[in-house]
Amino acid sequence: MQLHLDEISKYVARKAHAVVLMDRAGWHSTRKLIVPKNLTIILLPSKSPELNPVENVWQYLRSNHLSNRVFKDYTAIVDAACEAWNALIDKPNVIKSIGMRDWAHV
């Protein structure tokens, strides 16, 4: 998680500040993390996957690319996940629809 935060921090414009929304997974909220000065972490409430659009992305990937399959080995799992991810990123409208929340536009 530390490497991920450091990487996000590199891409924040100079003199800007970014907010990173995260669920409460243990590796997101550990005190061992050193949050870069140009980032603020906001932890979502517990047990609220509806607030975290990435949960819906994973559900989409499982439902449309990864379910009902048997994988030969770890490499086959990684390859299938990469193929699924690459298929998804070629569909920006699907990504938008997965992350959209009707209640956020009322």
Protein backbone atom coordinates (compact mmCIF):
# COMPACT_ATOMS: atom_id res chain seq x y z
CA MET A 1 0.00 0.00 0.00
CA GLN A 2 2.89 2.31 0.74
CA LEU A 3 4.25 1.90 -2.79
CA HIS A 4 0.78 2.59 -4.20
CA LEU A 5 0.39 5.82 -2.23
CA ASP A 6 3.89 6.93 -3.20
CA GLU A 7 3.06 6.32 -6.87
CA ILE A 8 -0.21 8.27 -6.66
CA SER A 9 1.64 11.11 -4.96
CA LYS A 10 4.09 11.38 -7.88
CA TYR A 11 1.24 12.23 -10.26
CA VAL A 12 -0.42 14.93 -8.19
CA ALA A 13 0.20 18.29 -9.81
CA ARG A 14 2.68 20.57 -8.07
CA LYS A 15 1.01 22.70 -5.38
CA ALA A 16 -2.11 20.49 -5.62
CA HIS A 17 -3.55 18.07 -3.08
CA ALA A 18 -5.37 14.79 -3.74
CA VAL A 19 -7.89 12.81 -1.75
CA VAL A 20 -7.73 9.02 -1.84
CA LEU A 21 -10.92 7.19 -0.85
CA MET A 22 -10.34 3.73 0.58
CA ASP A 23 -12.29 1.04 2.34
CA ARG A 24 -11.16 -0.09 5.75
CA ALA A 25 -9.02 -3.03 4.71
CA GLY A 26 -6.25 -3.52 7.25
CA TRP A 27 -3.52 -2.51 4.81
CA HIS A 28 -5.38 0.75 4.06
CA SER A 29 -5.61 1.86 7.67
CA THR A 30 -2.42 0.58 9.23
CA ARG A 31 -0.44 3.10 11.23
CA LYS A 32 2.67 1.90 9.40
CA LEU A 33 1.66 3.88 6.30
CA ILE A 34 3.43 7.16 5.73
CA VAL A 35 0.91 9.27 3.84
CA PRO A 36 2.63 11.69 1.46
CA LYS A 37 2.03 15.36 2.32
CA ASN A 38 0.13 15.97 -0.93
CA LEU A 39 -2.44 13.24 -0.17
CA THR A 40 -5.27 12.87 2.29
CA ILE A 41 -6.84 9.48 2.94
CA ILE A 42 -10.57 9.30 3.60
CA LEU A 43 -11.71 5.93 4.87
CA LEU A 44 -15.20 4.90 3.82
CA PRO A 45 -17.62 3.71 6.51
CA SER A 46 -17.39 0.05 7.40
CA LYS A 47 -19.62 -2.40 5.54
CA SER A 48 -20.58 0.05 2.80
CA PRO A 49 -19.48 -1.48 -0.52
CA GLU A 50 -22.09 0.64 -2.32
CA LEU A 51 -19.88 3.67 -1.66
CA ASN A 52 -16.85 2.04 -3.22
CA PRO A 53 -17.23 1.82 -7.02
CA VAL A 54 -14.23 -0.53 -7.33
CA GLU A 55 -16.31 -3.20 -5.60
CA ASN A 56 -18.63 -3.04 -8.60
CA VAL A 57 -15.67 -3.20 -10.99
CA TRP A 58 -14.54 -6.46 -9.38
CA GLN A 59 -18.09 -7.81 -9.54
CA TYR A 60 -18.28 -6.92 -13.24
CA LEU A 61 -14.94 -8.62 -13.94
CA ARG A 62 -15.98 -11.75 -12.05
CA SER A 63 -19.38 -11.90 -13.75
CA ASN A 64 -18.21 -11.17 -17.28
CA HIS A 65 -14.71 -12.59 -17.50
CA LEU A 66 -13.60 -14.70 -14.56
CA SER A 67 -16.52 -16.78 -13.27
CA ASN A 68 -17.24 -20.46 -13.93
CA ARG A 69 -13.67 -21.22 -14.90
CA VAL A 70 -10.98 -23.53 -13.65
CA PHE A 71 -7.44 -22.22 -13.86
CA LYS A 72 -4.44 -24.47 -14.43
CA ASP A 73 -2.14 -22.52 -12.13
CA TYR A 74 -1.32 -19.14 -10.63
CA THR A 75 0.03 -17.80 -13.93
CA ALA A 76 -3.25 -18.67 -15.65
CA ILE A 77 -5.15 -16.72 -12.97
CA VAL A 78 -2.92 -13.67 -13.40
CA ASP A 79 -3.18 -13.90 -17.19
CA ALA A 80 -6.98 -14.14 -17.06
CA ALA A 81 -7.19 -11.19 -14.67
CA CYS A 82 -4.95 -9.10 -16.94
CA GLU A 83 -7.01 -10.03 -20.00
CA ALA A 84 -10.21 -9.12 -18.16
CA TRP A 85 -8.76 -5.80 -17.00
CA ASN A 86 -7.51 -4.92 -20.49
CA ALA A 87 -10.90 -5.78 -21.99
CA LEU A 88 -12.56 -3.48 -19.46
CA ILE A 89 -10.27 -0.49 -19.94
CA ASP A 90 -11.09 -0.55 -23.65
CA LYS A 91 -14.72 0.24 -22.69
CA PRO A 92 -14.79 3.64 -20.94
CA ASN A 93 -18.59 3.81 -21.09
CA VAL A 94 -18.85 0.51 -19.23
CA ILE A 95 -16.45 1.80 -16.58
CA LYS A 96 -18.52 4.97 -16.27
CA SER A 97 -21.75 3.00 -15.90
CA ILE A 98 -20.23 0.70 -13.28
CA GLY A 99 -19.06 3.63 -11.16
CA MET A 100 -22.15 5.81 -11.61
CA ARG A 101 -24.49 6.24 -8.66
CA ASP A 102 -27.99 7.57 -9.30
CA TRP A 103 -28.18 9.02 -5.79
CA ALA A 104 -25.06 11.11 -6.46
CA HIS A 105 -26.82 13.01 -9.25
CA VAL A 106 -30.07 13.90 -7.49
